[in-house]
Structures are given as structure tokens and as C-alpha cells.
Protein backbone atom coordinates (compact mmCIF):
# COMPACT_ATOMS: atom_id res chain seq x y z
CA MET A 1 34.57 -171.01 157.90
CA TRP A 2 35.72 -167.44 157.44
CA ASP A 3 32.66 -166.34 158.89
CA SER A 4 30.74 -168.95 160.99
CA GLU A 5 32.09 -170.97 164.07
CA PHE A 6 31.26 -174.46 164.79
CA THR A 7 31.23 -177.13 167.68
CA VAL A 8 32.89 -179.90 167.53
CA GLY A 9 32.17 -182.90 169.92
CA LEU A 10 36.01 -184.39 171.29
CA LYS A 11 35.23 -187.73 170.42
CA HIS A 12 35.86 -186.20 166.77
CA LEU A 13 39.00 -184.85 167.81
CA LYS A 14 42.11 -186.24 166.64
CA SER A 15 45.20 -185.96 169.26
CA TYR A 16 48.39 -184.47 167.64
CA GLU A 17 49.92 -184.38 170.73
CA TYR A 18 51.61 -181.09 170.44
CA LEU A 19 54.67 -179.93 172.81
CA PRO A 20 53.21 -177.29 175.24
CA GLU A 21 55.28 -174.44 173.35
CA GLU A 22 53.56 -175.84 169.83
CA CYS A 23 50.10 -175.46 171.63
CA GLU A 24 50.90 -171.73 172.83
CA GLN A 25 52.11 -171.14 169.08
CA MET A 26 48.72 -172.40 167.98
CA GLN A 27 46.98 -170.67 170.56
CA MET A 28 48.84 -167.37 169.14
CA ILE A 29 47.78 -167.85 165.62
CA CYS A 30 44.06 -168.58 166.63
CA ASP A 31 43.93 -165.37 168.22
CA VAL A 32 45.52 -163.47 165.40
CA TYR A 33 42.29 -165.35 163.11
CA ASP A 34 39.85 -164.17 165.61
CA GLY A 35 41.30 -160.42 165.58
CA LEU A 36 41.40 -160.37 161.72
CA ARG A 37 37.73 -161.65 161.65
CA LEU A 38 36.59 -159.00 164.33
CA ARG A 39 38.48 -156.19 162.46
CA ILE A 40 36.63 -157.53 159.16
CA SER A 41 33.09 -158.07 160.81
CA ARG A 42 33.04 -154.61 162.18
CA VAL A 43 33.30 -153.11 158.64
CA TYR A 44 31.07 -155.76 156.55
CA SER A 45 27.90 -155.07 155.88
CA SER A 46 25.01 -156.12 153.36
CA ALA A 47 24.64 -152.19 152.23
CA LEU A 48 28.50 -152.20 151.33
CA GLU A 49 29.43 -151.79 147.99
CA GLU A 50 29.75 -155.53 146.03
CA THR A 51 33.82 -154.60 145.34
CA VAL A 52 34.17 -153.79 149.13
CA LYS A 53 31.94 -156.72 150.40
CA SER A 54 34.46 -159.11 147.91
CA LEU A 55 37.66 -158.00 149.15
CA LEU A 56 36.88 -158.48 152.82
CA GLN A 57 35.29 -161.83 152.13
CA LEU A 58 38.75 -162.71 150.15
CA LEU A 59 40.80 -161.19 153.09
CA GLY A 60 38.62 -163.38 155.76
CA LYS A 61 39.71 -166.60 153.60
CA VAL A 62 43.24 -165.66 153.74
CA ASN A 63 45.23 -168.98 154.58
CA ARG A 64 47.92 -167.76 156.91
CA PRO A 65 47.78 -166.03 160.13
CA TYR A 66 48.94 -162.33 158.92
CA LEU A 67 48.05 -159.82 156.47
CA THR A 68 50.70 -158.70 153.62
CA ALA A 69 51.51 -155.08 153.80
CA VAL A 70 49.35 -154.36 150.84
CA GLU A 71 46.42 -156.25 152.64
CA GLU A 72 46.85 -154.69 155.73
CA LYS A 73 46.56 -151.04 153.99
CA LEU A 74 43.67 -152.27 152.24
CA LEU A 75 42.03 -153.23 155.47
CA SER A 76 42.87 -150.08 157.28
CA VAL A 77 41.23 -147.95 154.40
CA LEU A 78 38.05 -149.80 154.67
CA GLU A 79 37.98 -149.16 158.78
CA PHE A 80 38.72 -145.82 158.44
CA GLU A 81 36.02 -144.98 155.20
CA TYR A 82 33.33 -147.47 157.04
CA ARG A 83 34.04 -146.85 160.80
CA GLU A 84 31.02 -144.25 161.60
CA ARG A 85 28.50 -145.84 159.16
């Protein structure tokens, strides 16, 4: 979920038997997602305009571990505009 964390018991997880290199790659992807979520959460507020909230929500739902150049610029502008509010 884009704005939540869930705890899952080990008995509910399936092993995919990743190689150590694959585990490192997955950890890197998770770290990138966590960094993106942190950036979005720093800007997000219920007091924002509806379009800004919607844009942040959509950026949080992006199904890849990176932002495109345009998405990155949009988030950077929002971070700049709302950093001290």
C-alpha cells in the first residue's frame, strides 16, 4: 500500500529461493521505495490543495522503483513549495 505498513507472519510467506545478488537487488529496490515514500510523506498534508494531494498519491502508487525525469521534477517542485509549511 502506498501509505501504510503491514506485518505478515513468516508462515504466510513463500520462499522464492533468491540468490544473494537477487536479495541485494530487492533490498535496493525496497530502499528506493522507502526513500520515495518518505519524500512524499514530508510534503503530504490534509491542508494541501486537492490536485497536489492527488498528484502525491499517484506518485506514491507508481509501480517501479524510480521516478521519470518529469515525475522527479514535479516532486521536487512540490518539496520546494511546501517544505516550510
